[in-house]
C-alpha cells in the first residue's frame, strides 16, 4: 500500500506590507507648502511687485514734490523725449548701456567660460581658485568702484606707477578722466567683479555633461578644440542663454559701480552716463515736478528690459529645440 503524503505550504499573508516612511514618499500638505513659501512671497511682493505697481501708477499723474496732482495720462512719457536735457541724455545713456552690455558679454562671459573650462580640467587648487574668482562678486559695487578709482588714479594709482616703472610712460593715462577710456575702464572693472558668477554657471554646466560623450569623441579622434566646439558648446547652450539674459538685465540696471567711478553725472562729460544715472538725476534733481517723469522712465526701462529678456529666452529655447 502506497501512502501518499500531501505537503501543505504555509499560508501567505495577503495583507500588503506597510512601507516605511521615507524621504519623498509623502508630499507635504498645502498649508505646509504655503507656510514655507509665504516669507519669500511677502518679500518679493513688498520689495518688487509693489514698487513696480506704484511706478506704473505714479507715471500717470502730475507731482508737486511728493504731493500727487492731476491725472496726466501719457504726458510724463512725452516729456522724456521732449524736455531738455532729457531728450539729449536718454539716447546717449541708452547707447552707453548697449556698449556696457556688449563689452561685458565679450570680456566677462568669455573669461568666465575659459576659467570654468580650465578649472574643470585642473586637478589641484580648484576650490581655492573658485573662491578667489568669486570673492569680488560678493563685494558691494560701491566699494569696488571706490577701490578701483584709487587704483586707476593717474597720479598715485599703482597701475600708472607700474607702467612708468617699466618704461611705458605713454600708457600711463588718466583712465577715468579721458572720455575715450572711461567707459572701457569701467567695463573691465565690472567684468572683473562679476566674472565669478558666469564661471560658476559654466562649471555646473560642464560638470553635468556625461563623460561618456567626451570619451566617445576622443575615441573617434576628436581634438580638444573639436571636443569643446562640437560637444560641450552645444550642450552648454541653456547655460549660455541664462548667462546672457542675466548679464543683459544686470547691465541695463547698472548704477552703483558707474556712480562710484564716474559720479552722478557720468563724468567725464557724460562719457559714462547710463539710464540708471539719468533716472537718479531726474528723480532727485529734476525739480518739483520730476517724480512723475522719473516714474515714467522707470516704467519704460522695465518694459524694455522685460521685453528683450523674453525675446532672448524664446530665441535660446528655439536654438535648444533645433539641437534636439
Protein backbone atom coordinates (compact mmCIF):
# COMPACT_ATOMS: atom_id res chain seq x y z
CA UNK A 1 0.00 0.00 0.00
CA UNK A 2 1.32 3.33 -1.00
CA UNK A 3 0.97 6.15 1.36
CA UNK A 4 0.74 9.48 -0.38
CA UNK A 5 1.72 12.43 1.75
CA UNK A 6 0.38 15.74 0.80
CA UNK A 7 2.67 18.68 1.64
CA UNK A 8 0.92 21.66 2.94
CA UNK A 9 2.52 25.03 2.15
CA UNK A 10 2.34 27.75 4.77
CA UNK A 11 -0.36 30.29 4.23
CA UNK A 12 0.89 33.51 2.79
CA UNK A 13 -0.07 36.75 4.35
CA UNK A 14 -2.07 38.54 1.71
CA UNK A 15 -2.13 41.80 3.55
CA UNK A 16 0.13 44.41 1.91
CA UNK A 17 3.25 45.19 3.79
CA UNK A 18 3.50 48.58 5.37
CA UNK A 19 6.09 50.67 3.63
CA UNK A 20 8.45 52.51 5.83
CA UNK A 21 8.06 56.22 5.70
CA UNK A 22 10.93 57.65 3.76
CA UNK A 23 12.06 60.92 2.32
CA UNK A 24 9.89 61.99 -0.60
CA UNK A 25 7.29 59.26 -0.05
CA UNK A 26 4.56 61.59 1.15
CA UNK A 27 4.27 65.12 -0.21
CA UNK A 28 3.69 67.82 2.40
CA UNK A 29 0.24 69.31 2.66
CA UNK A 30 -0.65 72.60 1.01
CA UNK A 31 -0.71 74.54 4.30
CA UNK A 32 2.86 73.42 5.00
CA UNK A 33 3.99 74.42 1.49
CA UNK A 34 2.27 77.80 1.82
CA UNK A 35 3.93 78.37 5.19
CA UNK A 36 7.40 77.94 3.69
CA UNK A 37 6.65 79.96 0.54
CA UNK A 38 4.92 82.84 2.36
CA UNK A 39 8.06 84.69 3.63
CA UNK A 40 9.66 84.76 0.18
CA UNK A 41 6.35 85.74 -1.39
CA UNK A 42 5.91 88.63 1.05
CA UNK A 43 9.46 89.89 0.50
CA UNK A 44 9.08 89.72 -3.28
CA UNK A 45 5.73 91.49 -3.15
CA UNK A 46 6.88 94.27 -0.81
CA UNK A 47 10.21 95.00 -2.50
CA UNK A 48 9.46 94.13 -6.15
CA UNK A 49 5.80 93.93 -7.12
CA UNK A 50 4.51 96.82 -5.01
CA UNK A 51 7.18 99.37 -6.09
CA UNK A 52 6.67 98.35 -9.71
CA UNK A 53 2.90 98.83 -9.44
CA UNK A 54 3.48 102.20 -7.78
CA UNK A 55 5.77 103.29 -10.60
CA UNK A 56 3.08 102.48 -13.16
CA UNK A 57 0.56 104.39 -11.10
CA UNK A 58 2.76 107.44 -10.41
CA UNK A 59 3.79 107.74 -14.06
CA UNK A 60 0.21 108.70 -14.96
CA UNK A 61 -0.02 111.68 -12.60
CA UNK A 62 1.50 115.09 -12.08
CA UNK A 63 3.52 115.70 -8.93
CA UNK A 64 4.47 118.76 -6.92
CA UNK A 65 7.29 117.35 -4.87
CA UNK A 66 5.79 114.24 -3.28
CA UNK A 67 2.23 115.56 -3.49
CA UNK A 68 0.21 113.91 -6.24
CA UNK A 69 -1.52 116.25 -8.64
CA UNK A 70 -3.93 115.87 -11.52
CA UNK A 71 -4.12 112.94 -13.89
CA UNK A 72 -1.52 113.43 -16.63
CA UNK A 73 -2.09 110.44 -18.90
CA UNK A 74 0.91 109.91 -21.14
CA UNK A 75 2.28 113.44 -20.68
CA UNK A 76 5.15 112.28 -18.47
CA UNK A 77 6.25 109.81 -21.14
CA UNK A 78 6.08 112.57 -23.74
CA UNK A 79 8.28 114.85 -21.66
CA UNK A 80 11.01 112.22 -21.51
CA UNK A 81 11.66 112.76 -25.21
CA UNK A 82 10.87 116.48 -25.47
CA UNK A 83 12.08 118.15 -22.26
CA UNK A 84 15.68 119.39 -22.21
CA UNK A 85 18.10 117.91 -21.13
CA UNK A 86 16.30 114.54 -21.01
CA UNK A 87 15.86 114.46 -24.78
CA UNK A 88 19.65 114.70 -25.13
CA UNK A 89 20.67 112.49 -22.24
CA UNK A 90 18.38 109.49 -22.82
CA UNK A 91 19.69 108.44 -26.27
CA UNK A 92 23.29 108.85 -25.12
CA UNK A 93 22.70 106.91 -21.90
CA UNK A 94 20.87 104.14 -23.76
CA UNK A 95 23.77 103.79 -26.20
CA UNK A 96 26.21 103.58 -23.30
CA UNK A 97 24.12 100.79 -21.76
CA UNK A 98 24.32 98.91 -25.06
CA UNK A 99 28.11 99.32 -25.11
CA UNK A 100 28.24 98.28 -21.46
CA UNK A 101 26.30 95.10 -22.18
CA UNK A 102 28.28 94.14 -25.30
CA UNK A 103 31.64 94.82 -23.63
CA UNK A 104 30.68 92.85 -20.54
CA UNK A 105 29.44 89.93 -22.64
CA UNK A 106 32.69 89.78 -24.59
CA UNK A 107 35.03 90.09 -21.60
CA UNK A 108 33.21 88.76 -18.54
CA UNK A 109 31.43 85.76 -20.02
CA UNK A 110 34.31 84.75 -22.29
CA UNK A 111 36.70 84.75 -19.34
CA UNK A 112 34.08 83.02 -17.19
CA UNK A 113 33.81 80.19 -19.72
CA UNK A 114 37.61 79.99 -20.05
CA UNK A 115 38.11 79.83 -16.28
CA UNK A 116 35.36 77.23 -15.94
CA UNK A 117 37.00 75.06 -18.60
CA UNK A 118 40.44 75.39 -17.00
CA UNK A 119 39.09 74.60 -13.56
CA UNK A 120 37.19 71.59 -14.89
CA UNK A 121 40.38 70.08 -16.30
CA UNK A 122 42.51 71.12 -13.31
CA UNK A 123 43.29 68.64 -10.54
CA UNK A 124 44.90 70.92 -7.99
CA UNK A 125 43.72 74.11 -6.33
CA UNK A 126 40.23 74.04 -7.83
CA UNK A 127 38.38 75.08 -4.67
CA UNK A 128 40.91 77.78 -3.88
CA UNK A 129 40.74 79.31 -7.36
CA UNK A 130 36.94 79.20 -7.38
CA UNK A 131 36.92 81.11 -4.10
CA UNK A 132 39.37 83.69 -5.47
CA UNK A 133 37.24 84.28 -8.58
CA UNK A 134 34.01 84.54 -6.58
CA UNK A 135 35.25 86.93 -3.87
CA UNK A 136 34.89 90.18 -5.92
CA UNK A 137 31.32 89.16 -6.76
CA UNK A 138 30.50 89.21 -3.03
CA UNK A 139 31.77 92.78 -2.52
CA UNK A 140 29.45 95.78 -2.86
CA UNK A 141 29.62 97.56 -6.22
CA UNK A 142 30.19 100.90 -4.45
CA UNK A 143 33.20 99.51 -2.57
CA UNK A 144 34.62 98.02 -5.77
CA UNK A 145 34.09 101.32 -7.60
CA UNK A 146 35.86 103.42 -4.97
CA UNK A 147 38.77 100.97 -4.71
CA UNK A 148 39.31 100.91 -8.47
CA UNK A 149 39.04 104.70 -8.64
CA UNK A 150 42.08 104.79 -6.36
CA UNK A 151 43.88 102.07 -8.32
CA UNK A 152 43.29 103.93 -11.61
CA UNK A 153 44.23 107.34 -10.21
CA UNK A 154 46.56 108.99 -12.76
CA UNK A 155 48.88 110.48 -10.09
CA UNK A 156 49.35 107.89 -7.36
CA UNK A 157 47.47 104.84 -8.70
CA UNK A 158 49.54 101.63 -8.72
CA UNK A 159 48.67 100.84 -12.36
CA UNK A 160 50.18 104.06 -13.74
CA UNK A 161 53.12 103.83 -11.34
CA UNK A 162 53.87 100.34 -12.60
CA UNK A 163 53.63 101.48 -16.24
CA UNK A 164 56.07 104.33 -15.57
CA UNK A 165 58.42 101.99 -13.72
CA UNK A 166 58.66 99.55 -16.67
CA UNK A 167 59.19 102.36 -19.19
CA UNK A 168 55.65 102.60 -20.58
CA UNK A 169 55.08 106.19 -19.53
CA UNK A 170 52.98 106.84 -22.65
CA UNK A 171 50.49 104.22 -21.43
CA UNK A 172 50.05 105.93 -18.06
CA UNK A 173 46.74 107.55 -18.97
CA UNK A 174 44.03 109.31 -16.97
CA UNK A 175 41.81 106.25 -17.30
CA UNK A 176 38.70 107.72 -15.71
CA UNK A 177 39.36 111.29 -16.86
CA UNK A 178 39.51 110.65 -20.61
CA UNK A 179 36.15 110.17 -22.44
CA UNK A 180 37.81 107.61 -24.72
CA UNK A 181 38.94 105.32 -21.87
CA UNK A 182 36.46 105.97 -19.04
CA UNK A 183 33.67 103.63 -20.16
CA UNK A 184 36.02 100.81 -21.30
CA UNK A 185 37.80 101.01 -17.93
CA UNK A 186 34.51 100.67 -16.04
CA UNK A 187 33.50 97.76 -18.29
CA UNK A 188 36.73 95.94 -17.40
CA UNK A 189 36.20 96.60 -13.69
CA UNK A 190 32.62 95.35 -13.96
CA UNK A 191 33.82 92.20 -15.74
CA UNK A 192 36.49 91.67 -13.08
CA UNK A 193 33.89 91.87 -10.31
CA UNK A 194 31.27 89.59 -11.90
CA UNK A 195 33.41 87.03 -13.74
CA UNK A 196 32.92 84.52 -10.92
CA UNK A 197 29.16 84.35 -11.47
CA UNK A 198 29.18 83.02 -15.06
CA UNK A 199 32.16 80.87 -14.15
CA UNK A 200 30.04 79.06 -11.55
CA UNK A 201 27.20 78.51 -14.01
CA UNK A 202 29.51 77.28 -16.76
CA UNK A 203 31.30 75.00 -14.29
CA UNK A 204 27.98 73.44 -13.31
CA UNK A 205 27.09 73.01 -16.99
CA UNK A 206 30.40 71.32 -17.79
CA UNK A 207 30.02 69.00 -14.81
CA UNK A 208 26.56 67.89 -15.98
CA UNK A 209 27.84 66.79 -19.40
CA UNK A 210 28.24 62.97 -19.34
CA UNK A 211 31.85 61.82 -19.57
CA UNK A 212 30.76 59.07 -21.98
CA UNK A 213 30.23 61.67 -24.70
CA UNK A 214 33.72 63.06 -24.23
CA UNK A 215 35.24 59.59 -24.20
CA UNK A 216 33.40 58.60 -27.38
CA UNK A 217 34.59 61.76 -29.11
CA UNK A 218 38.21 61.08 -28.08
CA UNK A 219 37.98 57.52 -29.36
CA UNK A 220 36.78 58.88 -32.72
CA UNK A 221 39.88 61.07 -32.85
CA UNK A 222 38.44 64.44 -31.84
CA UNK A 223 40.94 67.06 -30.70
CA UNK A 224 40.45 69.18 -27.61
CA UNK A 225 39.11 72.10 -29.66
CA UNK A 226 36.76 69.87 -31.64
CA UNK A 227 35.51 68.31 -28.41
CA UNK A 228 34.79 71.76 -26.98
CA UNK A 229 33.20 73.12 -30.14
CA UNK A 230 31.14 70.09 -31.21
CA UNK A 231 30.18 68.53 -27.87
CA UNK A 232 30.49 70.90 -24.95
CA UNK A 233 29.40 74.20 -26.50
CA UNK A 234 26.07 72.89 -27.88
CA UNK A 235 25.30 71.21 -24.56
CA UNK A 236 26.14 74.47 -22.74
CA UNK A 237 23.58 76.39 -24.76
CA UNK A 238 20.96 76.50 -21.93
CA UNK A 239 23.59 77.92 -19.58
CA UNK A 240 24.74 80.43 -22.20
CA UNK A 241 21.15 81.59 -22.59
CA UNK A 242 20.71 82.11 -18.84
CA UNK A 243 24.04 83.92 -18.52
CA UNK A 244 23.21 86.19 -21.48
CA UNK A 245 19.80 87.16 -20.11
CA UNK A 246 21.11 87.79 -16.60
CA UNK A 247 24.02 89.84 -17.98
CA UNK A 248 21.60 91.91 -20.06
CA UNK A 249 19.32 92.59 -17.08
CA UNK A 250 22.22 93.47 -14.79
CA UNK A 251 23.95 95.79 -17.24
CA UNK A 252 20.83 97.72 -18.20
CA UNK A 253 20.17 98.23 -14.47
CA UNK A 254 23.77 99.26 -13.78
CA UNK A 255 24.10 102.08 -11.28
CA UNK A 256 26.32 101.55 -8.23
CA UNK A 257 29.65 100.86 -9.93
CA UNK A 258 29.24 103.64 -12.52
CA UNK A 259 28.06 106.09 -9.85
CA UNK A 260 31.16 105.33 -7.75
CA UNK A 261 33.62 105.59 -10.64
CA UNK A 262 32.04 108.23 -12.88
CA UNK A 263 29.90 110.23 -10.48
CA UNK A 264 26.18 111.02 -10.70
CA UNK A 265 26.66 113.00 -13.92
CA UNK A 266 28.51 110.24 -15.76
CA UNK A 267 31.82 112.09 -15.95
CA UNK A 268 33.88 112.93 -17.85
CA UNK A 269 31.49 114.94 -19.99
CA UNK A 270 28.73 112.32 -19.85
CA UNK A 271 31.00 109.60 -21.30
CA UNK A 272 29.87 107.12 -18.63
CA UNK A 273 26.24 108.19 -18.37
CA UNK A 274 23.72 105.33 -18.29
CA UNK A 275 19.96 105.02 -17.82
CA UNK A 276 20.29 104.38 -14.09
CA UNK A 277 22.10 107.70 -13.61
CA UNK A 278 19.54 109.54 -15.74
CA UNK A 279 16.76 108.13 -13.57
CA UNK A 280 18.61 109.16 -10.41
CA UNK A 281 19.15 112.74 -11.61
CA UNK A 282 15.58 113.03 -12.86
CA UNK A 283 14.07 111.80 -9.60
CA UNK A 284 16.25 113.78 -7.17
CA UNK A 285 17.45 116.75 -9.20
CA UNK A 286 14.78 117.25 -11.83
CA UNK A 287 12.68 119.83 -9.96
CA UNK A 288 9.44 119.68 -8.04
CA UNK A 289 7.50 118.05 -10.89
CA UNK A 290 10.08 115.36 -11.70
CA UNK A 291 8.65 112.47 -9.70
CA UNK A 292 6.10 111.53 -12.33
CA UNK A 293 8.65 111.85 -15.15
CA UNK A 294 11.13 109.66 -13.26
CA UNK A 295 8.39 107.07 -12.72
CA UNK A 296 7.67 107.11 -16.45
CA UNK A 297 11.35 106.47 -17.15
CA UNK A 298 11.32 103.54 -14.69
CA UNK A 299 8.30 102.07 -16.47
CA UNK A 300 9.97 102.35 -19.87
CA UNK A 301 13.13 100.72 -18.55
CA UNK A 302 11.12 97.85 -17.10
CA UNK A 303 9.11 97.32 -20.30
CA UNK A 304 12.26 97.34 -22.44
CA UNK A 305 14.30 95.04 -20.19
CA UNK A 306 11.42 92.63 -19.66
CA UNK A 307 10.51 92.53 -23.35
CA UNK A 308 14.06 91.97 -24.61
CA UNK A 309 14.65 89.32 -21.93
CA UNK A 310 11.58 87.40 -23.06
CA UNK A 311 12.74 87.60 -26.69
CA UNK A 312 16.18 86.31 -25.69
CA UNK A 313 14.73 83.42 -23.71
CA UNK A 314 12.49 82.47 -26.60
CA UNK A 315 15.40 82.64 -29.04
CA UNK A 316 17.67 80.42 -26.93
CA UNK A 317 14.81 77.98 -26.31
CA UNK A 318 14.29 77.75 -30.07
CA UNK A 319 18.00 77.05 -30.56
CA UNK A 320 17.86 74.28 -27.95
CA UNK A 321 14.90 72.69 -29.72
CA UNK A 322 16.79 72.72 -33.02
CA UNK A 323 19.74 70.93 -31.43
CA UNK A 324 17.49 68.23 -30.01
